[in-house]
Structure formats: structure tokens, C-alpha cells
């Protein structure tokens, strides 16, 4: 009986102080996909999205960055991660082929509601991928999130902790 009482005693933890409650989080990674911009005309028209990253994770060389990417860049990133990492890569929001048909009553893939839906899906995709510890070691992810342009001829490699 004495053993049972000892096993069910309450565990006492130290009280949380103000710095613990309101201080900076120990590790954080924030990624926002925002400010869609449609550029070009006719067949060369496409939408780019601003990707803002804020982090204190030591594996990222920049603690804050801002780049612009288009949907095909997200497709490239997904393909690279599937090929080179051990990560189960989540799907991207769909290609929306039916929205690209001519003679639609709206702007198709350039309609505001579609762009917002895609923006939210791309943000969700990036946060899932970038939050994965194995994906954080992939050079393609760092280039995608922090380099001004994506060098699709790069040599895949792992990033080492700083």
C-alpha cells in the first residue's frame, strides 16, 4: 500500500516566472506567404508570393529574410525534397487546370479568391516542410527561403549546424 501512495504523489514543478511566460520563445520559426503580385501579360502572366521568414534557429544563416517565389518554384522545392530527403513531403495546393480554360466568367488562376486560397495553401505547405527537422538540413530549402533567386542547377547537399 505504501508503494501505491508514493507512486501517486503530485509532481511539483517550479513556478513559472515572468521571463518564462513573456520572454522570447526558446526556438521559433515563423514563415508567412503574403502580398501576391501578378506580373506579365497573356501566356507569360504569373503570380509571385512574398515569403517572409523570422527565426532564431541556428541552422538558418539569416534570422530574417524576404524573397519572392512563384508556384513553379514551390513545385521545384517539393520535387527536390522528395528526391533528396527522408521527409514525407506534404502536397501543394492543386494546379487548378480547370481554371486555366478559356472563356471563363472570372479571371481563372488570377481571380482574387483563387490566389488567396493558393496563398494559404502554400503558407501551410512551407510551414509544415520548414518545421521538419530533417527538411531543415536540406540546402534546397535554405536557398528557397533565403536566397534572392533559386539556382535550379545547384548541387544538393546537407546544411551543417552553425
Protein backbone atom coordinates (compact mmCIF):
# COMPACT_ATOMS: atom_id res chain seq x y z
CA UNK A 1 0.00 0.00 0.00
CA UNK A 2 2.84 2.42 0.83
CA UNK A 3 4.24 1.95 -2.69
CA UNK A 4 0.92 3.00 -4.24
CA UNK A 5 0.82 6.22 -2.25
CA UNK A 6 4.40 7.07 -3.27
CA UNK A 7 3.57 6.49 -6.94
CA UNK A 8 0.53 8.76 -6.95
CA UNK A 9 2.04 11.80 -5.26
CA UNK A 10 1.78 15.02 -7.20
CA UNK A 11 4.86 16.07 -9.08
CA UNK A 12 5.83 19.59 -8.11
CA UNK A 13 7.27 21.77 -10.81
CA UNK A 14 8.97 25.09 -10.29
CA UNK A 15 6.63 28.07 -10.65
CA UNK A 16 6.83 29.93 -13.94
CA UNK A 17 8.41 33.36 -13.67
CA UNK A 18 7.58 36.41 -15.82
CA UNK A 19 10.55 35.90 -18.11
CA UNK A 20 9.45 32.31 -18.84
CA UNK A 21 5.91 33.45 -19.53
CA UNK A 22 6.60 36.60 -21.55
CA UNK A 23 10.23 36.29 -22.65
CA UNK A 24 11.27 35.30 -26.16
CA UNK A 25 10.42 31.70 -27.09
CA UNK A 26 13.36 29.33 -26.92
CA UNK A 27 13.14 28.30 -30.59
CA UNK A 28 10.89 29.80 -33.21
CA UNK A 29 10.40 29.66 -36.95
CA UNK A 30 7.76 31.91 -38.49
CA UNK A 31 7.01 31.81 -42.21
CA UNK A 32 4.39 34.00 -43.86
CA UNK A 33 3.37 33.81 -47.50
CA UNK A 34 1.75 37.11 -48.46
CA UNK A 35 1.46 40.00 -50.93
CA UNK A 36 0.61 38.09 -54.12
CA UNK A 37 1.53 40.03 -57.27
CA UNK A 38 0.51 39.08 -60.78
CA UNK A 39 3.04 40.10 -63.43
CA UNK A 40 3.32 39.76 -67.20
CA UNK A 41 0.62 39.52 -69.87
CA UNK A 42 -1.02 36.74 -71.84
CA UNK A 43 0.84 33.45 -71.71
CA UNK A 44 3.73 34.92 -69.72
CA UNK A 45 1.44 36.05 -66.88
CA UNK A 46 2.09 34.54 -63.43
CA UNK A 47 1.67 35.32 -59.74
CA UNK A 48 4.50 35.63 -57.25
CA UNK A 49 4.23 35.48 -53.47
CA UNK A 50 6.38 37.14 -50.83
CA UNK A 51 7.89 34.72 -48.31
CA UNK A 52 8.94 36.27 -45.02
CA UNK A 53 10.95 34.20 -42.57
CA UNK A 54 11.82 35.02 -38.96
CA UNK A 55 13.71 32.54 -36.82
CA UNK A 56 16.30 32.10 -34.12
CA UNK A 57 17.16 28.54 -35.16
CA UNK A 58 20.95 28.33 -35.55
CA UNK A 59 20.75 26.27 -38.76
CA UNK A 60 19.46 29.29 -40.76
CA UNK A 61 22.18 31.76 -41.75
CA UNK A 62 19.76 34.71 -41.84
CA UNK A 63 17.48 35.38 -38.88
CA UNK A 64 15.11 37.36 -41.10
CA UNK A 65 14.65 37.13 -44.84
CA UNK A 66 12.20 38.16 -47.53
CA UNK A 67 12.05 36.63 -51.03
CA UNK A 68 9.50 36.31 -53.86
CA UNK A 69 8.58 32.95 -55.38
CA UNK A 70 6.10 31.68 -57.93
CA UNK A 71 4.12 28.44 -57.89
CA UNK A 72 6.62 26.63 -60.14
CA UNK A 73 9.35 27.39 -57.55
CA UNK A 74 7.24 25.67 -54.88
CA UNK A 75 6.88 22.69 -57.23
CA UNK A 76 10.65 22.61 -57.69
CA UNK A 77 11.21 22.68 -53.90
CA UNK A 78 8.74 19.86 -53.34
CA UNK A 79 10.42 17.74 -56.03
CA UNK A 80 13.88 18.35 -54.55
CA UNK A 81 12.74 17.43 -51.03
CA UNK A 82 11.04 14.26 -52.27
CA UNK A 83 14.16 13.21 -54.13
CA UNK A 84 16.87 14.12 -51.62
CA UNK A 85 15.41 13.91 -48.13
CA UNK A 86 13.83 11.26 -45.94
CA UNK A 87 10.88 13.58 -45.29
CA UNK A 88 7.32 12.72 -46.26
CA UNK A 89 6.57 15.89 -48.21
CA UNK A 90 3.01 17.25 -47.92
CA UNK A 91 1.11 18.05 -51.12
CA UNK A 92 0.96 21.50 -52.67
CA UNK A 93 -2.37 23.15 -53.40
CA UNK A 94 -3.54 21.87 -56.81
CA UNK A 95 -2.59 23.15 -60.26
CA UNK A 96 -6.16 24.27 -60.97
CA UNK A 97 -6.16 23.16 -64.60
CA UNK A 98 -9.90 23.84 -64.97
CA UNK A 99 -9.29 27.48 -64.01
CA UNK A 100 -6.93 27.82 -66.98
CA UNK A 101 -9.63 27.03 -69.55
CA UNK A 102 -10.54 29.89 -71.91
CA UNK A 103 -13.90 31.71 -71.86
CA UNK A 104 -14.37 31.59 -68.10
CA UNK A 105 -16.58 34.13 -66.38
CA UNK A 106 -13.81 35.07 -63.93
CA UNK A 107 -10.05 35.63 -64.08
CA UNK A 108 -9.27 31.90 -63.67
CA UNK A 109 -5.99 31.39 -61.84
CA UNK A 110 -5.68 35.18 -61.48
CA UNK A 111 -9.01 35.53 -59.66
CA UNK A 112 -8.52 37.08 -56.19
CA UNK A 113 -10.33 34.28 -54.36
CA UNK A 114 -8.21 31.60 -56.07
CA UNK A 115 -4.97 33.48 -55.39
CA UNK A 116 -5.90 33.81 -51.70
CA UNK A 117 -6.80 30.12 -51.46
CA UNK A 118 -3.49 29.17 -53.10
CA UNK A 119 -1.54 31.61 -50.89
CA UNK A 120 -2.97 30.00 -47.74
CA UNK A 121 -2.16 26.52 -49.07
CA UNK A 122 1.41 27.49 -49.96
CA UNK A 123 1.92 29.01 -46.50
CA UNK A 124 0.63 25.83 -44.84
CA UNK A 125 2.89 23.71 -47.07
CA UNK A 126 6.00 25.79 -46.26
CA UNK A 127 5.38 25.81 -42.52
CA UNK A 128 4.97 22.02 -42.45
CA UNK A 129 8.11 21.45 -44.51
CA UNK A 130 10.32 24.05 -42.81
CA UNK A 131 9.22 22.89 -39.37
CA UNK A 132 10.52 19.37 -40.02
CA UNK A 133 14.00 18.84 -38.50
CA UNK A 134 15.23 16.69 -41.42
CA UNK A 135 14.00 19.15 -44.06
CA UNK A 136 15.83 21.96 -42.24
CA UNK A 137 19.12 20.26 -43.19
CA UNK A 138 18.41 20.44 -46.92
CA UNK A 139 20.27 23.06 -49.00
CA UNK A 140 17.28 23.45 -51.36
CA UNK A 141 15.04 24.63 -48.50
CA UNK A 142 17.56 27.24 -47.36
CA UNK A 143 18.03 28.50 -50.92
CA UNK A 144 14.26 28.64 -51.45
CA UNK A 145 13.62 30.55 -48.21
CA UNK A 146 16.62 32.87 -48.09
CA UNK A 147 18.45 33.32 -51.41
CA UNK A 148 17.36 36.09 -53.78
CA UNK A 149 16.96 33.62 -56.63
CA UNK A 150 16.63 29.85 -56.83
CA UNK A 151 19.58 28.20 -58.59
CA UNK A 152 17.95 25.09 -60.01
CA UNK A 153 21.37 23.79 -61.12
CA UNK A 154 22.69 23.68 -57.53
CA UNK A 155 24.32 20.60 -56.05
CA UNK A 156 22.06 19.03 -53.41
CA UNK A 157 23.70 18.89 -50.01
CA UNK A 158 23.05 18.99 -46.28
CA UNK A 159 23.39 22.14 -44.18
CA UNK A 160 25.58 21.81 -41.10
CA UNK A 161 24.63 23.49 -37.82
CA UNK A 162 26.46 26.77 -37.32
